[in-house]
Amino acid sequence: RKDGHRLDKSDLKKIIDANPDCLLVGTGYYGQMNVPLETIQYLQSKNIQIEYAPTVDAVGQLNQLQNKCARIVAALHLTC
């Protein structure tokens, strides 16, 4: 990533290339990774729904997303 605790839209090239319906972001064990509004809006402009939560909670959301999204990509920050 461009910055260790911020999900920048420049970090998303491979995710955009995968053409998902949804992106599930785990923001770290303590939830310290920031997902800025600019990044959320960028994903929405690409018709990608974004969900984010501390990683332990985000993993639990995966099954729920399978009911809403045909193609899901997960990006999980494991520390912090």
Protein backbone atom coordinates (compact mmCIF):
# COMPACT_ATOMS: atom_id res chain seq x y z
CA ARG A 1 0.00 0.00 0.00
CA LYS A 2 0.98 3.58 -0.51
CA ASP A 3 0.53 4.22 3.24
CA GLY A 4 0.46 1.44 5.83
CA HIS A 5 -2.66 2.64 7.65
CA ARG A 6 -4.68 4.20 4.86
CA LEU A 7 -6.36 2.45 1.93
CA ASP A 8 -5.60 4.77 -0.97
CA LYS A 9 -7.36 4.45 -4.31
CA SER A 10 -3.95 3.94 -5.92
CA ASP A 11 -3.72 0.68 -3.92
CA LEU A 12 -6.73 -0.78 -5.72
CA LYS A 13 -5.49 -1.51 -9.26
CA LYS A 14 -5.51 -5.31 -8.89
CA ILE A 15 -8.88 -5.17 -7.17
CA ILE A 16 -10.38 -3.03 -9.95
CA ASP A 17 -8.87 -5.40 -12.54
CA ALA A 18 -10.64 -8.34 -10.84
CA ASN A 19 -13.97 -6.59 -11.53
CA PRO A 20 -15.72 -7.51 -8.27
CA ASP A 21 -19.24 -6.53 -7.24
CA CYS A 22 -18.08 -6.08 -3.64
CA LEU A 23 -14.87 -5.34 -1.80
CA LEU A 24 -14.59 -6.50 1.78
CA VAL A 25 -11.85 -4.65 3.67
CA GLY A 26 -10.49 -5.83 7.00
CA THR A 27 -9.04 -2.78 8.73
CA GLY A 28 -6.71 -4.69 11.05
CA TYR A 29 -7.02 -6.41 14.39
CA TYR A 30 -7.66 -3.09 16.15
CA GLY A 31 -9.34 -1.44 13.15
CA GLN A 32 -6.59 1.13 12.71
CA MET A 33 -6.43 1.15 8.91
CA ASN A 34 -8.41 4.08 7.54
CA VAL A 35 -10.68 3.84 4.49
CA PRO A 36 -11.01 7.48 3.37
CA LEU A 37 -14.19 8.86 1.82
CA GLU A 38 -12.23 9.51 -1.39
CA THR A 39 -11.48 5.79 -1.69
CA ILE A 40 -15.09 4.82 -0.97
CA GLN A 41 -16.35 7.25 -3.62
CA TYR A 42 -13.82 5.95 -6.13
CA LEU A 43 -15.02 2.38 -5.62
CA GLN A 44 -18.64 3.45 -5.87
CA SER A 45 -17.86 5.20 -9.17
CA LYS A 46 -16.65 1.79 -10.41
CA ASN A 47 -19.92 0.18 -9.20
CA ILE A 48 -18.11 -1.72 -6.45
CA GLN A 49 -19.86 -1.95 -3.10
CA ILE A 50 -17.42 -1.62 -0.20
CA GLU A 51 -17.82 -3.04 3.27
CA TYR A 52 -15.17 -2.57 5.94
CA ALA A 53 -14.68 -3.45 9.57
CA PRO A 54 -11.92 -4.64 11.89
CA THR A 55 -10.52 -7.78 10.28
CA VAL A 56 -11.99 -10.21 12.81
CA ASP A 57 -15.47 -8.79 12.11
CA ALA A 58 -14.92 -8.46 8.34
CA VAL A 59 -14.15 -12.17 8.06
CA GLY A 60 -17.49 -12.87 9.69
CA GLN A 61 -19.25 -10.64 7.13
CA LEU A 62 -18.01 -12.68 4.17
CA ASN A 63 -20.86 -15.20 4.27
CA GLN A 64 -23.43 -12.39 4.45
CA LEU A 65 -21.90 -10.70 1.40
CA GLN A 66 -22.21 -13.89 -0.62
CA ASN A 67 -25.97 -13.36 -0.55
CA LYS A 68 -25.59 -9.85 -2.06
CA CYS A 69 -22.59 -10.11 -4.37
CA ALA A 70 -21.66 -12.58 -7.10
CA ARG A 71 -17.97 -11.60 -7.14
CA ILE A 72 -16.27 -10.63 -3.89
CA VAL A 73 -12.69 -9.56 -3.24
CA ALA A 74 -11.36 -9.41 0.31
CA ALA A 75 -8.43 -7.19 1.30
CA LEU A 76 -7.48 -7.95 4.88
CA HIS A 77 -5.05 -5.88 6.95
CA LEU A 78 -3.87 -8.36 9.54
CA THR A 79 -2.08 -6.21 12.11
CA CYS A 80 -2.86 -2.99 13.95
